[in-house]
Amino acid sequence: MSDNPADYELDPAIAARLKPNEQGLVPAIVQANGTGEVLMMAWMDEHALAYTLARKQGTYYSRSRQEYWIKGLTSGHTQEVTGVRLDCDRDTILVTVNQVGGACHTGNRTCFDADQLL
């Protein structure tokens, strides 16, 4: 079993249901298992989703670096994936995880606690 997400192929039945954007990406909302707390938003392509489903590790595609990143590989702040769902339009993925450490790249628990607007 490869450690490279690019080597993973999404089940064709799942791929047929997925509606990616023009870049082949789908937004993934990451939520804490049990509490429902929204931890982060990231992007997935078919390979990142396939890897996530197979390995049960949060795996995403970095648009800025144009590469895959497995959450926690360098930081130790891992995501054990407990569920993956498509929304009703099939253009957004909801990923539930057991988060170890901060989900945000800043080290914060969530990416949504820094700039409250209301």
PDB file of N, CA and C in Angstrom:
ATOM      1  N   MET A   1       0.845  -1.185   0.000  1.00  0.00           N
ATOM      2  CA  MET A   1       0.000   0.000   0.000  1.00  0.00           C
ATOM      3  C   MET A   1       0.886   1.242   0.000  1.00  0.00           C
ATOM      4  N   SER A   2       0.752   2.061  -1.001  1.00  0.00           N
ATOM      5  CA  SER A   2       1.577   3.250  -1.183  1.00  0.00           C
ATOM      6  C   SER A   2       1.235   4.337  -0.164  1.00  0.00           C
ATOM      7  N   ASP A   3       2.224   5.158   0.157  1.00  0.00           N
ATOM      8  CA  ASP A   3       2.007   6.315   1.016  1.00  0.00           C
ATOM      9  C   ASP A   3       1.752   7.582   0.208  1.00  0.00           C
ATOM     10  N   ASN A   4       1.706   7.458  -1.121  1.00  0.00           N
ATOM     11  CA  ASN A   4       1.508   8.602  -1.996  1.00  0.00           C
ATOM     12  C   ASN A   4       0.039   8.681  -2.413  1.00  0.00           C
ATOM     13  N   PRO A   5      -0.676   9.754  -1.999  1.00  0.00           N
ATOM     14  CA  PRO A   5      -2.088   9.872  -2.376  1.00  0.00           C
ATOM     15  C   PRO A   5      -2.325   9.815  -3.882  1.00  0.00           C
ATOM     16  N   ALA A   6      -1.379  10.274  -4.682  1.00  0.00           N
ATOM     17  CA  ALA A   6      -1.545  10.272  -6.139  1.00  0.00           C
ATOM     18  C   ALA A   6      -1.664   8.858  -6.697  1.00  0.00           C
ATOM     19  N   ASP A   7      -1.220   7.867  -5.936  1.00  0.00           N
ATOM     20  CA  ASP A   7      -1.303   6.476  -6.376  1.00  0.00           C
ATOM     21  C   ASP A   7      -2.673   5.851  -6.113  1.00  0.00           C
ATOM     22  N   TYR A   8      -3.546   6.546  -5.421  1.00  0.00           N
ATOM     23  CA  TYR A   8      -4.859   6.015  -5.063  1.00  0.00           C
ATOM     24  C   TYR A   8      -5.906   6.476  -6.067  1.00  0.00           C
ATOM     25  N   GLU A   9      -6.732   5.542  -6.494  1.00  0.00           N
ATOM     26  CA  GLU A   9      -7.800   5.840  -7.448  1.00  0.00           C
ATOM     27  C   GLU A   9      -9.148   5.720  -6.737  1.00  0.00           C
ATOM     28  N   LEU A  10      -9.995   6.693  -6.974  1.00  0.00           N
ATOM     29  CA  LEU A  10     -11.324   6.699  -6.378  1.00  0.00           C
ATOM     30  C   LEU A  10     -12.210   5.661  -7.057  1.00  0.00           C
ATOM     31  N   ASP A  11     -12.998   4.973  -6.273  1.00  0.00           N
ATOM     32  CA  ASP A  11     -13.973   4.023  -6.809  1.00  0.00           C
ATOM     33  C   ASP A  11     -14.792   4.738  -7.888  1.00  0.00           C
ATOM     34  N   PRO A  12     -14.899   4.173  -9.099  1.00  0.00           N
ATOM     35  CA  PRO A  12     -15.637   4.835 -10.181  1.00  0.00           C
ATOM     36  C   PRO A  12     -17.082   5.183  -9.828  1.00  0.00           C
ATOM     37  N   ALA A  13     -17.719   4.387  -9.003  1.00  0.00           N
ATOM     38  CA  ALA A  13     -19.103   4.681  -8.599  1.00  0.00           C
ATOM     39  C   ALA A  13     -19.167   5.948  -7.746  1.00  0.00           C
ATOM     40  N   ILE A  14     -18.159   6.168  -6.926  1.00  0.00           N
ATOM     41  CA  ILE A  14     -18.097   7.392  -6.115  1.00  0.00           C
ATOM     42  C   ILE A  14     -17.707   8.567  -7.005  1.00  0.00           C
ATOM     43  N   ALA A  15     -16.717   8.372  -7.857  1.00  0.00           N
ATOM     44  CA  ALA A  15     -16.257   9.438  -8.755  1.00  0.00           C
ATOM     45  C   ALA A  15     -17.401   9.949  -9.633  1.00  0.00           C
ATOM     46  N   ALA A  16     -18.272   9.072 -10.060  1.00  0.00           N
ATOM     47  CA  ALA A  16     -19.397   9.458 -10.916  1.00  0.00           C
ATOM     48  C   ALA A  16     -20.389  10.339 -10.179  1.00  0.00           C
ATOM     49  N   ARG A  17     -20.456  10.219  -8.863  1.00  0.00           N
ATOM     50  CA  ARG A  17     -21.386  11.022  -8.062  1.00  0.00           C
ATOM     51  C   ARG A  17     -20.804  12.377  -7.680  1.00  0.00           C
ATOM     52  N   LEU A  18     -19.489  12.503  -7.681  1.00  0.00           N
ATOM     53  CA  LEU A  18     -18.789  13.708  -7.231  1.00  0.00           C
ATOM     54  C   LEU A  18     -18.835  14.797  -8.295  1.00  0.00           C
ATOM     55  N   LYS A  19     -19.072  16.044  -7.885  1.00  0.00           N
ATOM     56  CA  LYS A  19     -19.110  17.175  -8.818  1.00  0.00           C
ATOM     57  C   LYS A  19     -18.002  18.173  -8.461  1.00  0.00           C
ATOM     58  N   PRO A  20     -16.785  17.941  -8.958  1.00  0.00           N
ATOM     59  CA  PRO A  20     -15.676  18.857  -8.666  1.00  0.00           C
ATOM     60  C   PRO A  20     -15.806  20.161  -9.461  1.00  0.00           C
ATOM     61  N   ASN A  21     -15.037  21.183  -9.044  1.00  0.00           N
ATOM     62  CA  ASN A  21     -15.001  22.442  -9.778  1.00  0.00           C
ATOM     63  C   ASN A  21     -14.103  22.303 -11.016  1.00  0.00           C
ATOM     64  N   GLU A  22     -13.848  23.403 -11.702  1.00  0.00           N
ATOM     65  CA  GLU A  22     -13.072  23.384 -12.942  1.00  0.00           C
ATOM     66  C   GLU A  22     -11.641  22.882 -12.729  1.00  0.00           C
ATOM     67  N   GLN A  23     -11.122  23.031 -11.528  1.00  0.00           N
ATOM     68  CA  GLN A  23      -9.762  22.570 -11.206  1.00  0.00           C
ATOM     69  C   GLN A  23      -9.745  21.114 -10.744  1.00  0.00           C
ATOM     70  N   GLY A  24     -10.907  20.472 -10.729  1.00  0.00           N
ATOM     71  CA  GLY A  24     -10.991  19.081 -10.287  1.00  0.00           C
ATOM     72  C   GLY A  24     -11.009  18.937  -8.783  1.00  0.00           C
ATOM     73  N   LEU A  25     -11.359  20.020  -8.086  1.00  0.00           N
ATOM     74  CA  LEU A  25     -11.338  20.026  -6.616  1.00  0.00           C
ATOM     75  C   LEU A  25     -12.744  20.178  -6.040  1.00  0.00           C
ATOM     76  N   VAL A  26     -12.893  19.652  -4.828  1.00  0.00           N
ATOM     77  CA  VAL A  26     -14.140  19.760  -4.079  1.00  0.00           C
ATOM     78  C   VAL A  26     -13.784  20.266  -2.685  1.00  0.00           C
ATOM     79  N   PRO A  27     -14.534  21.269  -2.160  1.00  0.00           N
ATOM     80  CA  PRO A  27     -14.270  21.698  -0.798  1.00  0.00           C
ATOM     81  C   PRO A  27     -14.641  20.610   0.198  1.00  0.00           C
ATOM     82  N   ALA A  28     -13.815  20.476   1.221  1.00  0.00           N
ATOM     83  CA  ALA A  28     -14.059  19.502   2.283  1.00  0.00           C
ATOM     84  C   ALA A  28     -14.167  20.251   3.610  1.00  0.00           C
ATOM     85  N   ILE A  29     -15.309  20.150   4.228  1.00  0.00           N
ATOM     86  CA  ILE A  29     -15.528  20.732   5.553  1.00  0.00           C
ATOM     87  C   ILE A  29     -15.188  19.639   6.564  1.00  0.00           C
ATOM     88  N   VAL A  30     -14.312  19.976   7.506  1.00  0.00           N
ATOM     89  CA  VAL A  30     -13.857  18.990   8.484  1.00  0.00           C
ATOM     90  C   VAL A  30     -14.466  19.326   9.840  1.00  0.00           C
ATOM     91  N   GLN A  31     -15.126  18.339  10.422  1.00  0.00           N
ATOM     92  CA  GLN A  31     -15.908  18.509  11.638  1.00  0.00           C
ATOM     93  C   GLN A  31     -15.434  17.508  12.684  1.00  0.00           C
ATOM     94  N   ALA A  32     -15.414  17.940  13.946  1.00  0.00           N
ATOM     95  CA  ALA A  32     -15.010  17.061  15.041  1.00  0.00           C
ATOM     96  C   ALA A  32     -16.079  16.002  15.284  1.00  0.00           C
ATOM     97  N   ASN A  33     -15.650  14.754  15.355  1.00  0.00           N
ATOM     98  CA  ASN A  33     -16.544  13.641  15.656  1.00  0.00           C
ATOM     99  C   ASN A  33     -17.134  13.844  17.048  1.00  0.00           C
ATOM    100  N   GLY A  34     -18.412  13.663  17.169  1.00  0.00           N
ATOM    101  CA  GLY A  34     -19.065  13.753  18.482  1.00  0.00           C
ATOM    102  C   GLY A  34     -19.597  15.133  18.805  1.00  0.00           C
ATOM    103  N   THR A  35     -18.774  16.181  18.644  1.00  0.00           N
ATOM    104  CA  THR A  35     -19.217  17.526  19.028  1.00  0.00           C
ATOM    105  C   THR A  35     -19.800  18.310  17.869  1.00  0.00           C
ATOM    106  N   GLY A  36     -19.410  17.974  16.653  1.00  0.00           N
ATOM    107  CA  GLY A  36     -19.881  18.715  15.490  1.00  0.00           C
ATOM    108  C   GLY A  36     -19.149  20.019  15.254  1.00  0.00           C
ATOM    109  N   GLU A  37     -18.144  20.327  16.078  1.00  0.00           N
ATOM    110  CA  GLU A  37     -17.369  21.557  15.912  1.00  0.00           C
ATOM    111  C   GLU A  37     -16.702  21.572  14.531  1.00  0.00           C
ATOM    112  N   VAL A  38     -16.860  22.678  13.797  1.00  0.00           N
ATOM    113  CA  VAL A  38     -16.202  22.812  12.499  1.00  0.00           C
ATOM    114  C   VAL A  38     -14.742  23.176  12.746  1.00  0.00           C
ATOM    115  N   LEU A  39     -13.845  22.340  12.254  1.00  0.00           N
ATOM    116  CA  LEU A  39     -12.419  22.516  12.510  1.00  0.00           C
ATOM    117  C   LEU A  39     -11.695  23.252  11.391  1.00  0.00           C
ATOM    118  N   MET A  40     -12.023  22.913  10.146  1.00  0.00           N
ATOM    119  CA  MET A  40     -11.290  23.508   9.033  1.00  0.00           C
ATOM    120  C   MET A  40     -12.027  23.260   7.729  1.00  0.00           C
ATOM    121  N   MET A  41     -11.558  23.928   6.694  1.00  0.00           N
ATOM    122  CA  MET A  41     -12.003  23.684   5.332  1.00  0.00           C
ATOM    123  C   MET A  41     -10.743  23.502   4.503  1.00  0.00           C
ATOM    124  N   ALA A  42     -10.764  22.510   3.628  1.00  0.00           N
ATOM    125  CA  ALA A  42      -9.630  22.264   2.738  1.00  0.00           C
ATOM    126  C   ALA A  42     -10.185  21.753   1.415  1.00  0.00           C
ATOM    127  N   TRP A  43      -9.302  21.474   0.482  1.00  0.00           N
ATOM    128  CA  TRP A  43      -9.708  20.997  -0.832  1.00  0.00           C
ATOM    129  C   TRP A  43      -9.272  19.565  -1.030  1.00  0.00           C
ATOM    130  N   MET A  44     -10.093  18.803  -1.737  1.00  0.00           N
ATOM    131  CA  MET A  44      -9.762  17.423  -2.101  1.00  0.00           C
ATOM    132  C   MET A  44      -9.957  17.251  -3.600  1.00  0.00           C
ATOM    133  N   ASP A  45      -9.115  16.419  -4.195  1.00  0.00           N
ATOM    134  CA  ASP A  45      -9.398  15.916  -5.531  1.00  0.00           C
ATOM    135  C   ASP A  45      -9.717  14.434  -5.379  1.00  0.00           C
ATOM    136  N   GLU A  46      -9.883  13.739  -6.484  1.00  0.00           N
ATOM    137  CA  GLU A  46     -10.264  12.332  -6.397  1.00  0.00           C
ATOM    138  C   GLU A  46      -9.205  11.486  -5.690  1.00  0.00           C
ATOM    139  N   HIS A  47      -7.929  11.804  -5.881  1.00  0.00           N
ATOM    140  CA  HIS A  47      -6.869  11.026  -5.237  1.00  0.00           C
ATOM    141  C   HIS A  47      -6.848  11.258  -3.721  1.00  0.00           C
ATOM    142  N   ALA A  48      -7.020  12.511  -3.312  1.00  0.00           N
ATOM    143  CA  ALA A  48      -7.044  12.819  -1.875  1.00  0.00           C
ATOM    144  C   ALA A  48      -8.233  12.137  -1.202  1.00  0.00           C
ATOM    145  N   LEU A  49      -9.376  12.153  -1.877  1.00  0.00           N
ATOM    146  CA  LEU A  49     -10.558  11.484  -1.323  1.00  0.00           C
ATOM    147  C   LEU A  49     -10.344   9.979  -1.269  1.00  0.00           C
ATOM    148  N   ALA A  50      -9.787   9.411  -2.325  1.00  0.00           N
ATOM    149  CA  ALA A  50      -9.526   7.965  -2.341  1.00  0.00           C
ATOM    150  C   ALA A  50      -8.583   7.568  -1.219  1.00  0.00           C
ATOM    151  N   TYR A  51      -7.524   8.350  -1.006  1.00  0.00           N
ATOM    152  CA  TYR A  51      -6.560   8.068   0.058  1.00  0.00           C
ATOM    153  C   TYR A  51      -7.235   8.181   1.429  1.00  0.00           C
ATOM    154  N   THR A  52      -8.035   9.238   1.596  1.00  0.00           N
ATOM    155  CA  THR A  52      -8.754   9.445   2.855  1.00  0.00           C
ATOM    156  C   THR A  52      -9.661   8.265   3.166  1.00  0.00           C
ATOM    157  N   LEU A  53     -10.399   7.799   2.176  1.00  0.00           N
ATOM    158  CA  LEU A  53     -11.304   6.669   2.381  1.00  0.00           C
ATOM    159  C   LEU A  53     -10.541   5.385   2.683  1.00  0.00           C
ATOM    160  N   ALA A  54      -9.438   5.164   1.994  1.00  0.00           N
ATOM    161  CA  ALA A  54      -8.669   3.930   2.177  1.00  0.00           C
ATOM    162  C   ALA A  54      -7.877   3.913   3.474  1.00  0.00           C
ATOM    163  N   ARG A  55      -7.271   5.039   3.826  1.00  0.00           N
ATOM    164  CA  ARG A  55      -6.354   5.085   4.973  1.00  0.00           C
ATOM    165  C   ARG A  55      -6.986   5.669   6.235  1.00  0.00           C
ATOM    166  N   LYS A  56      -8.151   6.300   6.075  1.00  0.00           N
ATOM    167  CA  LYS A  56      -8.851   6.949   7.194  1.00  0.00           C
ATOM    168  C   LYS A  56      -7.981   8.012   7.878  1.00  0.00           C
ATOM    169  N   GLN A  57      -7.226   8.733   7.035  1.00  0.00           N
ATOM    170  CA  GLN A  57      -6.409   9.864   7.466  1.00  0.00           C
ATOM    171  C   GLN A  57      -6.826  11.071   6.630  1.00  0.00           C
ATOM    172  N   GLY A  58      -7.071  12.220   7.278  1.00  0.00           N
ATOM    173  CA  GLY A  58      -7.442  13.417   6.545  1.00  0.00           C
ATOM    174  C   GLY A  58      -6.348  13.784   5.553  1.00  0.00           C
ATOM    175  N   THR A  59      -6.686  13.778   4.270  1.00  0.00           N
ATOM    176  CA  THR A  59      -5.716  14.026   3.204  1.00  0.00           C
ATOM    177  C   THR A  59      -6.317  15.025   2.225  1.00  0.00           C
ATOM    178  N   TYR A  60      -5.552  16.051   1.883  1.00  0.00           N
ATOM    179  CA  TYR A  60      -6.079  17.178   1.133  1.00  0.00           C
ATOM    180  C   TYR A  60      -5.112  17.572   0.025  1.00  0.00           C
ATOM    181  N   TYR A  61      -5.585  18.496  -0.834  1.00  0.00           N
ATOM    182  CA  TYR A  61      -4.744  19.008  -1.902  1.00  0.00           C
ATOM    183  C   TYR A  61      -4.502  20.488  -1.658  1.00  0.00           C
ATOM    184  N   SER A  62      -3.245  20.881  -1.570  1.00  0.00           N
ATOM    185  CA  SER A  62      -2.876  22.279  -1.357  1.00  0.00           C
ATOM    186  C   SER A  62      -2.835  22.997  -2.696  1.00  0.00           C
ATOM    187  N   ARG A  63      -3.701  23.960  -2.868  1.00  0.00           N
ATOM    188  CA  ARG A  63      -3.710  24.728  -4.114  1.00  0.00           C
ATOM    189  C   ARG A  63      -2.465  25.595  -4.231  1.00  0.00           C
ATOM    190  N   SER A  64      -1.993  26.153  -3.129  1.00  0.00           N
ATOM    191  CA  SER A  64      -0.820  27.031  -3.181  1.00  0.00           C
ATOM    192  C   SER A  64       0.472  26.254  -3.456  1.00  0.00           C
ATOM    193  N   ARG A  65       0.615  25.085  -2.850  1.00  0.00           N
ATOM    194  CA  ARG A  65       1.829  24.272  -3.053  1.00  0.00           C
ATOM    195  C   ARG A  65       1.671  23.266  -4.197  1.00  0.00           C
ATOM    196  N   GLN A  66       0.446  23.093  -4.650  1.00  0.00           N
ATOM    197  CA  GLN A  66       0.119  22.134  -5.700  1.00  0.00           C
ATOM    198  C   GLN A  66       0.661  20.744  -5.376  1.00  0.00           C
ATOM    199  N   GLU A  67       0.317  20.312  -4.145  1.00  0.00           N
ATOM    200  CA  GLU A  67       0.711  18.975  -3.709  1.00  0.00           C
ATOM    201  C   GLU A  67      -0.251  18.477  -2.644  1.00  0.00           C
ATOM    202  N   TYR A  68      -0.202  17.175  -2.401  1.00  0.00           N
ATOM    203  CA  TYR A  68      -1.040  16.573  -1.370  1.00  0.00           C
ATOM    204  C   TYR A  68      -0.427  16.796  -0.010  1.00  0.00           C
ATOM    205  N   TRP A  69      -1.294  16.889   0.993  1.00  0.00           N
ATOM    206  CA  TRP A  69      -0.816  16.908   2.371  1.00  0.00           C
ATOM    207  C   TRP A  69      -1.725  16.055   3.228  1.00  0.00           C
ATOM    208  N   ILE A  70      -1.073  15.223   4.003  1.00  0.00           N
ATOM    209  CA  ILE A  70      -1.760  14.346   4.938  1.00  0.00           C
ATOM    210  C   ILE A  70      -1.705  15.045   6.288  1.00  0.00           C
ATOM    211  N   LYS A  71      -2.858  15.394   6.803  1.00  0.00           N
ATOM    212  CA  LYS A  71      -2.917  16.179   8.040  1.00  0.00           C
ATOM    213  C   LYS A  71      -2.160  15.473   9.151  1.00  0.00           C
ATOM    214  N   GLY A  72      -1.207  16.186   9.730  1.00  0.00           N
ATOM    215  CA  GLY A  72      -0.450  15.679  10.865  1.00  0.00           C
ATOM    216  C   GLY A  72       0.862  15.019  10.518  1.00  0.00           C
ATOM    217  N   LEU A  73       1.141  14.845   9.234  1.00  0.00           N
ATOM    218  CA  LEU A  73       2.368  14.155   8.838  1.00  0.00           C
ATOM    219  C   LEU A  73       3.603  14.878   9.353  1.00  0.00           C
ATOM    220  N   THR A  74       3.601  16.208   9.301  1.00  0.00           N
ATOM    221  CA  THR A  74       4.748  16.966   9.815  1.00  0.00           C
ATOM    222  C   THR A  74       4.479  17.579  11.189  1.00  0.00           C
ATOM    223  N   SER A  75       3.222  17.943  11.472  1.00  0.00           N
ATOM    224  CA  SER A  75       2.902  18.621  12.737  1.00  0.00           C
ATOM    225  C   SER A  75       2.599  17.664  13.880  1.00  0.00           C
ATOM    226  N   GLY A  76       2.190  16.436  13.548  1.00  0.00           N
ATOM    227  CA  GLY A  76       1.729  15.508  14.581  1.00  0.00           C
ATOM    228  C   GLY A  76       0.279  15.714  14.957  1.00  0.00           C
ATOM    229  N   HIS A  77      -0.368  16.732  14.369  1.00  0.00           N
ATOM    230  CA  HIS A  77      -1.779  17.035  14.647  1.00  0.00           C
ATOM    231  C   HIS A  77      -2.629  16.253  13.657  1.00  0.00           C
ATOM    232  N   THR A  78      -2.892  15.005  13.990  1.00  0.00           N
ATOM    233  CA  THR A  78      -3.495  14.060  13.063  1.00  0.00           C
ATOM    234  C   THR A  78      -5.019  14.096  13.062  1.00  0.00           C
ATOM    235  N   GLN A  79      -5.576  13.536  12.003  1.00  0.00           N
ATOM    236  CA  GLN A  79      -7.026  13.385  11.874  1.00  0.00           C
ATOM    237  C   GLN A  79      -7.341  11.937  11.542  1.00  0.00           C
ATOM    238  N   GLU A  80      -7.974  11.263  12.493  1.00  0.00           N
ATOM    239  CA  GLU A  80      -8.498   9.925  12.229  1.00  0.00           C
ATOM    240  C   GLU A  80      -9.905  10.111  11.673  1.00  0.00           C
ATOM    241  N   VAL A  81     -10.103   9.750  10.430  1.00  0.00           N
ATOM    242  CA  VAL A  81     -11.384   9.970   9.756  1.00  0.00           C
ATOM    243  C   VAL A  81     -12.389   8.918  10.219  1.00  0.00           C
ATOM    244  N   THR A  82     -13.550   9.404  10.673  1.00  0.00           N
ATOM    245  CA  THR A  82     -14.603   8.511  11.149  1.00  0.00           C
ATOM    246  C   THR A  82     -15.820   8.497  10.229  1.00  0.00           C
ATOM    247  N   GLY A  83     -15.894   9.463   9.319  1.00  0.00           N
ATOM    248  CA  GLY A  83     -17.011   9.502   8.391  1.00  0.00           C
ATOM    249  C   GLY A  83     -16.737  10.455   7.237  1.00  0.00           C
ATOM    250  N   VAL A  84     -17.321  10.147   6.085  1.00  0.00           N
ATOM    251  CA  VAL A  84     -17.210  11.003   4.899  1.00  0.00           C
ATOM    252  C   VAL A  84     -18.572  10.990   4.210  1.00  0.00           C
ATOM    253  N   ARG A  85     -19.103  12.187   3.934  1.00  0.00           N
ATOM    254  CA  ARG A  85     -20.410  12.312   3.282  1.00  0.00           C
ATOM    255  C   ARG A  85     -20.345  13.365   2.186  1.00  0.00           C
ATOM    256  N   LEU A  86     -21.188  13.191   1.185  1.00  0.00           N
ATOM    257  CA  LEU A  86     -21.388  14.229   0.173  1.00  0.00           C
ATOM    258  C   LEU A  86     -22.628  15.029   0.543  1.00  0.00           C
ATOM    259  N   ASP A  87     -22.617  16.319   0.198  1.00  0.00           N
ATOM    260  CA  ASP A  87     -23.822  17.114   0.414  1.00  0.00           C
ATOM    261  C   ASP A  87     -24.845  16.799  -0.680  1.00  0.00           C
ATOM    262  N   CYS A  88     -26.009  17.402  -0.591  1.00  0.00           N
ATOM    263  CA  CYS A  88     -27.113  17.093  -1.508  1.00  0.00           C
ATOM    264  C   CYS A  88     -26.784  17.415  -2.959  1.00  0.00           C
ATOM    265  N   ASP A  89     -25.913  18.384  -3.209  1.00  0.00           N
ATOM    266  CA  ASP A  89     -25.513  18.729  -4.576  1.00  0.00           C
ATOM    267  C   ASP A  89     -24.290  17.946  -5.043  1.00  0.00           C
ATOM    268  N   ARG A  90     -23.691  17.192  -4.122  1.00  0.00           N
ATOM    269  CA  ARG A  90     -22.511  16.372  -4.394  1.00  0.00           C
ATOM    270  C   ARG A  90     -21.286  17.185  -4.793  1.00  0.00           C
ATOM    271  N   ASP A  91     -21.255  18.451  -4.353  1.00  0.00           N
ATOM    272  CA  ASP A  91     -20.111  19.298  -4.682  1.00  0.00           C
ATOM    273  C   ASP A  91     -19.350  19.768  -3.442  1.00  0.00           C
ATOM    274  N   THR A  92     -19.679  19.206  -2.291  1.00  0.00           N
ATOM    275  CA  THR A  92     -18.978  19.495  -1.046  1.00  0.00           C
ATOM    276  C   THR A  92     -18.923  18.213  -0.230  1.00  0.00           C
ATOM    277  N   ILE A  93     -17.792  18.016   0.418  1.00  0.00           N
ATOM    278  CA  ILE A  93     -17.578  16.812   1.226  1.00  0.00           C
ATOM    279  C   ILE A  93     -17.562  17.210   2.699  1.00  0.00           C
ATOM    280  N   LEU A  94     -18.227  16.435   3.526  1.00  0.00           N
ATOM    281  CA  LEU A  94     -18.178  16.603   4.973  1.00  0.00           C
ATOM    282  C   LEU A  94     -17.361  15.443   5.537  1.00  0.00           C
ATOM    283  N   VAL A  95     -16.290  15.784   6.237  1.00  0.00           N
ATOM    284  CA  VAL A  95     -15.399  14.780   6.813  1.00  0.00           C
ATOM    285  C   VAL A  95     -15.474  14.909   8.330  1.00  0.00           C
ATOM    286  N   THR A  96     -15.817  13.843   9.025  1.00  0.00           N
ATOM    287  CA  THR A  96     -15.791  13.856  10.485  1.00  0.00           C
ATOM    288  C   THR A  96     -14.527  13.137  10.941  1.00  0.00           C
ATOM    289  N   VAL A  97     -13.892  13.722  11.963  1.00  0.00           N
ATOM    290  CA  VAL A  97     -12.588  13.220  12.398  1.00  0.00           C
ATOM    291  C   VAL A  97     -12.462  13.226  13.913  1.00  0.00           C
ATOM    292  N   ASN A  98     -11.568  12.368  14.398  1.00  0.00           N
ATOM    293  CA  ASN A  98     -11.048  12.486  15.752  1.00  0.00           C
ATOM    294  C   ASN A  98      -9.749  13.264  15.594  1.00  0.00           C
ATOM    295  N   GLN A  99      -9.775  14.523  16.023  1.00  0.00           N
ATOM    296  CA  GLN A  99      -8.637  15.426  15.846  1.00  0.00           C
ATOM    297  C   GLN A  99      -7.691  15.314  17.034  1.00  0.00           C
ATOM    298  N   VAL A 100      -6.418  15.150  16.743  1.00  0.00           N
ATOM    299  CA  VAL A 100      -5.371  15.172  17.768  1.00  0.00           C
ATOM    300  C   VAL A 100      -4.577  16.448  17.554  1.00  0.00           C
ATOM    301  N   GLY A 101      -4.554  17.340  18.555  1.00  0.00           N
ATOM    302  CA  GLY A 101      -3.875  18.622  18.403  1.00  0.00           C
ATOM    303  C   GLY A 101      -4.729  19.587  17.600  1.00  0.00           C
ATOM    304  N   GLY A 102      -4.136  20.703  17.213  1.00  0.00           N
ATOM    305  CA  GLY A 102      -4.858  21.720  16.471  1.00  0.00           C
ATOM    306  C   GLY A 102      -5.112  21.318  15.036  1.00  0.00           C
ATOM    307  N   ALA A 103      -6.275  21.691  14.527  1.00  0.00           N
ATOM    308  CA  ALA A 103      -6.599  21.421  13.128  1.00  0.00           C
ATOM    309  C   ALA A 103      -6.063  22.523  12.221  1.00  0.00           C
ATOM    310  N   CYS A 104      -5.945  23.731  12.753  1.00  0.00           N
ATOM    311  CA  CYS A 104      -5.507  24.869  11.958  1.00  0.00           C
ATOM    312  C   CYS A 104      -3.984  24.869  11.798  1.00  0.00           C
ATOM    313  N   HIS A 105      -3.520  25.391  10.666  1.00  0.00           N
ATOM    314  CA  HIS A 105      -2.070  25.462  10.440  1.00  0.00           C
ATOM    315  C   HIS A 105      -1.376  26.394  11.431  1.00  0.00           C
ATOM    316  N   THR A 106      -2.170  27.250  12.126  1.00  0.00           N
ATOM    317  CA  THR A 106      -1.606  28.138  13.153  1.00  0.00           C
ATOM    318  C   THR A 106      -1.381  27.413  14.477  1.00  0.00           C
ATOM    319  N   GLY A 107      -1.928  26.190  14.561  1.00  0.00           N
ATOM    320  CA  GLY A 107      -1.852  25.432  15.802  1.00  0.00           C
ATOM    321  C   GLY A 107      -3.122  25.521  16.628  1.00  0.00           C
ATOM    322  N   ASN A 108      -4.039  26.418  16.248  1.00  0.00           N
ATOM    323  CA  ASN A 108      -5.316  26.534  16.958  1.00  0.00           C
ATOM    324  C   ASN A 108      -6.158  25.283  16.743  1.00  0.00           C
ATOM    325  N   ARG A 109      -7.056  25.034  17.667  1.00  0.00           N
ATOM    326  CA  ARG A 109      -7.949  23.872  17.568  1.00  0.00           C
ATOM    327  C   ARG A 109      -8.750  23.911  16.277  1.00  0.00           C
ATOM    328  N   THR A 110      -9.271  25.091  15.916  1.00  0.00           N
ATOM    329  CA  THR A 110     -10.092  25.266  14.727  1.00  0.00           C
ATOM    330  C   THR A 110      -9.601  26.470  13.929  1.00  0.00           C
ATOM    331  N   CYS A 111      -9.857  26.460  12.647  1.00  0.00           N
ATOM    332  CA  CYS A 111      -9.499  27.605  11.792  1.00  0.00           C
ATOM    333  C   CYS A 111     -10.507  28.739  11.937  1.00  0.00           C
ATOM    334  N   PHE A 112     -11.604  28.501  12.653  1.00  0.00           N
ATOM    335  CA  PHE A 112     -12.686  29.464  12.701  1.00  0.00           C
ATOM    336  C   PHE A 112     -12.835  30.164  14.047  1.00  0.00           C
ATOM    337  N   ASP A 113     -11.753  30.317  14.791  1.00  0.00           N
ATOM    338  CA  ASP A 113     -11.860  31.000  16.076  1.00  0.00           C
ATOM    339  C   ASP A 113     -11.080  32.310  16.132  1.00  0.00           C
ATOM    340  N   ALA A 114     -10.472  32.726  15.026  1.00  0.00           N
ATOM    341  CA  ALA A 114      -9.586  33.886  15.067  1.00  0.00           C
ATOM    342  C   ALA A 114     -10.271  35.200  14.700  1.00  0.00           C
ATOM    343  N   ASP A 115     -11.296  35.185  13.877  1.00  0.00           N
ATOM    344  CA  ASP A 115     -11.846  36.431  13.341  1.00  0.00           C
ATOM    345  C   ASP A 115     -13.360  36.388  13.347  1.00  0.00           C
ATOM    346  N   GLN A 116     -13.942  36.546  14.541  1.00  0.00           N
ATOM    347  CA  GLN A 116     -15.397  36.483  14.684  1.00  0.00           C
ATOM    348  C   GLN A 116     -16.019  37.766  14.164  1.00  0.00           C
ATOM    349  N   LEU A 117     -16.982  37.652  13.262  1.00  0.00           N
ATOM    350  CA  LEU A 117     -17.630  38.802  12.662  1.00  0.00           C
ATOM    351  C   LEU A 117     -18.962  39.150  13.321  1.00  0.00           C
ATOM    352  N   LEU A 118     -19.602  38.185  13.942  1.00  0.00           N
ATOM    353  CA  LEU A 118     -20.900  38.451  14.589  1.00  0.00           C
ATOM    354  C   LEU A 118     -21.035  37.576  15.799  1.00  0.00           C
TER     355      LEU A 118
END
